[in-house]
N, C-alpha and C. Protein backbone atom coordinates (compact mmCIF):
# COMPACT_ATOMS: atom_id res chain seq x y z
N MET A 1 8.38 12.29 -25.50
CA MET A 1 9.28 10.77 -26.26
C MET A 1 9.26 10.47 -27.63
N ILE A 2 8.54 11.29 -28.63
CA ILE A 2 8.42 10.74 -29.62
C ILE A 2 9.78 11.17 -30.48
N PRO A 3 10.21 12.83 -29.26
CA PRO A 3 11.20 13.11 -30.76
C PRO A 3 12.51 12.06 -29.93
N LEU A 4 12.70 11.25 -28.68
CA LEU A 4 14.17 10.55 -28.49
C LEU A 4 13.93 9.42 -29.74
N LEU A 5 13.07 8.80 -30.12
CA LEU A 5 12.20 7.54 -30.97
C LEU A 5 12.75 8.44 -31.91
N LEU A 6 13.07 9.39 -32.25
CA LEU A 6 13.26 9.60 -33.89
C LEU A 6 14.61 10.06 -33.73
N VAL A 7 15.43 10.74 -32.81
CA VAL A 7 17.00 10.48 -32.58
C VAL A 7 17.34 9.25 -32.88
N LEU A 8 16.78 8.65 -32.00
CA LEU A 8 17.45 6.63 -31.96
C LEU A 8 17.20 6.91 -33.06
N LEU A 9 16.22 6.75 -33.76
CA LEU A 9 15.90 5.93 -35.24
C LEU A 9 17.25 7.06 -36.30
N LEU A 10 16.81 8.09 -36.49
CA LEU A 10 18.33 8.38 -36.62
C LEU A 10 19.43 8.12 -36.50
N ALA A 11 19.84 8.01 -35.54
CA ALA A 11 21.27 6.80 -35.46
C ALA A 11 21.56 5.88 -35.92
N VAL A 12 20.32 5.45 -35.38
CA VAL A 12 20.80 3.64 -36.20
C VAL A 12 20.72 3.99 -38.23
N ILE A 13 19.94 4.99 -38.52
CA ILE A 13 20.32 4.97 -39.58
C ILE A 13 21.64 5.38 -40.18
N LEU A 14 22.57 6.35 -39.33
CA LEU A 14 23.35 7.01 -39.67
C LEU A 14 24.38 5.47 -39.32
N PHE A 15 24.17 4.85 -38.19
CA PHE A 15 25.35 4.14 -38.07
C PHE A 15 24.89 2.13 -39.20
N SER A 16 24.06 2.41 -39.80
CA SER A 16 24.26 1.48 -41.24
C SER A 16 24.84 2.25 -41.90
N VAL A 17 24.35 3.44 -42.54
CA VAL A 17 24.67 3.86 -43.49
C VAL A 17 26.53 4.02 -43.88
N GLY A 18 26.78 4.22 -42.51
CA GLY A 18 28.68 4.38 -42.45
C GLY A 18 29.06 2.78 -42.48
N PHE A 19 28.06 1.82 -42.00
CA PHE A 19 28.60 0.45 -41.92
C PHE A 19 28.91 -0.01 -43.44
N ALA A 20 27.75 0.52 -44.63
CA ALA A 20 27.56 -0.10 -45.67
C ALA A 20 28.54 1.02 -46.30
N VAL A 21 28.80 1.95 -46.05
CA VAL A 21 29.70 2.64 -46.97
C VAL A 21 31.23 2.27 -46.57
N LYS A 22 31.91 1.19 -45.43
CA LYS A 22 32.37 1.58 -45.34
C LYS A 22 32.89 -0.12 -45.85
N VAL A 23 31.64 -0.99 -45.98
CA VAL A 23 31.99 -2.57 -46.46
C VAL A 23 32.36 -2.21 -48.06
N LEU A 24 31.28 -1.55 -48.27
CA LEU A 24 32.44 -0.90 -50.14
C LEU A 24 33.43 -0.37 -50.09
N TRP A 25 33.87 0.13 -49.64
CA TRP A 25 35.36 0.46 -49.43
C TRP A 25 36.52 -0.54 -49.54
N TRP A 26 35.87 -1.52 -48.98
CA TRP A 26 36.39 -3.29 -48.62
C TRP A 26 37.02 -3.73 -49.94
N ILE A 27 35.01 -3.70 -50.59
CA ILE A 27 34.84 -4.30 -51.66
C ILE A 27 35.14 -3.79 -52.50
N ALA A 28 35.69 -2.66 -53.03
CA ALA A 28 36.20 -1.26 -53.95
C ALA A 28 38.17 -1.81 -54.37
N ILE A 29 38.76 -1.51 -52.50
CA ILE A 29 39.99 -2.03 -52.53
C ILE A 29 40.57 -3.51 -53.20
N ALA A 30 39.19 -4.60 -52.98
CA ALA A 30 39.78 -5.95 -53.22
C ALA A 30 39.56 -6.11 -54.91
N VAL A 31 38.66 -5.16 -55.34
CA VAL A 31 38.15 -5.29 -56.63
C VAL A 31 39.31 -4.42 -57.64
N LEU A 32 40.11 -3.15 -56.97
CA LEU A 32 41.48 -2.54 -57.60
C LEU A 32 42.49 -3.37 -57.32
N VAL A 33 42.98 -4.34 -55.81
CA VAL A 33 43.88 -4.88 -55.85
C VAL A 33 44.11 -6.63 -56.97
N LEU A 34 42.42 -6.71 -57.31
CA LEU A 34 42.04 -7.73 -58.26
C LEU A 34 42.98 -7.96 -59.87
N TRP A 35 42.20 -6.16 -60.08
CA TRP A 35 42.22 -5.64 -61.32
C TRP A 35 44.19 -5.23 -61.24
N LEU A 36 44.64 -5.06 -60.33
CA LEU A 36 46.42 -5.10 -60.81
C LEU A 36 46.90 -6.14 -60.82
N LEU A 37 46.27 -6.89 -60.68
CA LEU A 37 47.11 -8.79 -60.33
C LEU A 37 46.79 -8.73 -61.47
N GLY A 38 45.40 -8.80 -62.54
CA GLY A 38 45.52 -8.94 -63.80
C GLY A 38 46.08 -8.71 -64.63
N PHE A 39 46.41 -7.74 -64.82
CA PHE A 39 47.94 -6.48 -65.42
C PHE A 39 48.49 -6.86 -65.19
N LEU A 40 49.26 -7.19 -64.21
CA LEU A 40 50.76 -7.99 -64.25
C LEU A 40 51.15 -9.23 -64.28
N MET A 41 49.72 -9.97 -64.20
CA MET A 41 49.71 -11.33 -64.81
C MET A 41 49.46 -11.18 -65.83
N ARG A 42 48.70 -10.62 -67.13
CA ARG A 42 48.97 -10.89 -68.47
C ARG A 42 49.58 -10.67 -68.50
N GLY A 43 49.92 -9.26 -68.47
CA GLY A 43 52.07 -8.52 -69.28
C GLY A 43 51.36 -7.83 -70.69
N THR A 44 52.48 -6.67 -70.80
CA THR A 44 51.49 -6.03 -72.35
C THR A 44 52.65 -6.12 -73.29
N THR A 45 52.97 -7.66 -73.34
CA THR A 45 54.28 -8.09 -74.56
C THR A 45 52.64 -8.93 -75.34
N ALA A 46 53.38 -9.17 -76.80
CA ALA A 46 52.91 -9.37 -78.32
C ALA A 46 52.13 -10.86 -77.08
N SER A 47 51.45 -11.14 -76.66
CA SER A 47 51.36 -13.15 -77.14
C SER A 47 49.49 -12.88 -77.17
N GLY A 48 49.62 -13.96 -77.98
CA GLY A 48 48.67 -14.62 -79.27
C GLY A 48 47.88 -13.70 -80.30
N GLY A 49 48.94 -12.43 -80.47
CA GLY A 49 48.43 -11.73 -81.50
C GLY A 49 47.78 -10.35 -80.90
N ARG A 50 47.77 -9.81 -79.49
CA ARG A 50 47.68 -9.04 -78.67
C ARG A 50 48.27 -8.69 -77.74
N GLY A 51 48.49 -7.07 -78.47
CA GLY A 51 50.06 -6.03 -78.07
C GLY A 51 48.67 -5.27 -76.22
N ARG A 52 48.28 -5.44 -75.99
CA ARG A 52 47.44 -4.56 -74.89
C ARG A 52 47.10 -5.90 -74.18
N TRP A 53 47.40 -4.72 -72.73
CA TRP A 53 46.99 -6.08 -72.04
C TRP A 53 44.60 -6.00 -71.62
N TYR A 54 44.40 -4.65 -71.95
CA TYR A 54 43.05 -4.80 -72.01
C TYR A 54 42.52 -4.96 -73.41
N ARG A 55 40.92 -6.01 -72.80
CA ARG A 55 40.14 -6.48 -74.33
C ARG A 55 39.26 -5.99 -75.44
N TRP A 56 38.84 -4.59 -75.22
CA TRP A 56 38.35 -3.99 -75.61
C TRP A 56 39.35 -2.78 -76.67
């Protein structure tokens, strides 16, 4: 009985980790899209005295 419970617990843990990793991938893709949009919307021309698109 104990080995069966351990296998079921392991399956639940692995399922949870897989779900969390999948969610993190979607968050990473969303952040990448937002960063690219910000990069394209700001442009690289010298507007306001700054010729670079990054702030540092």
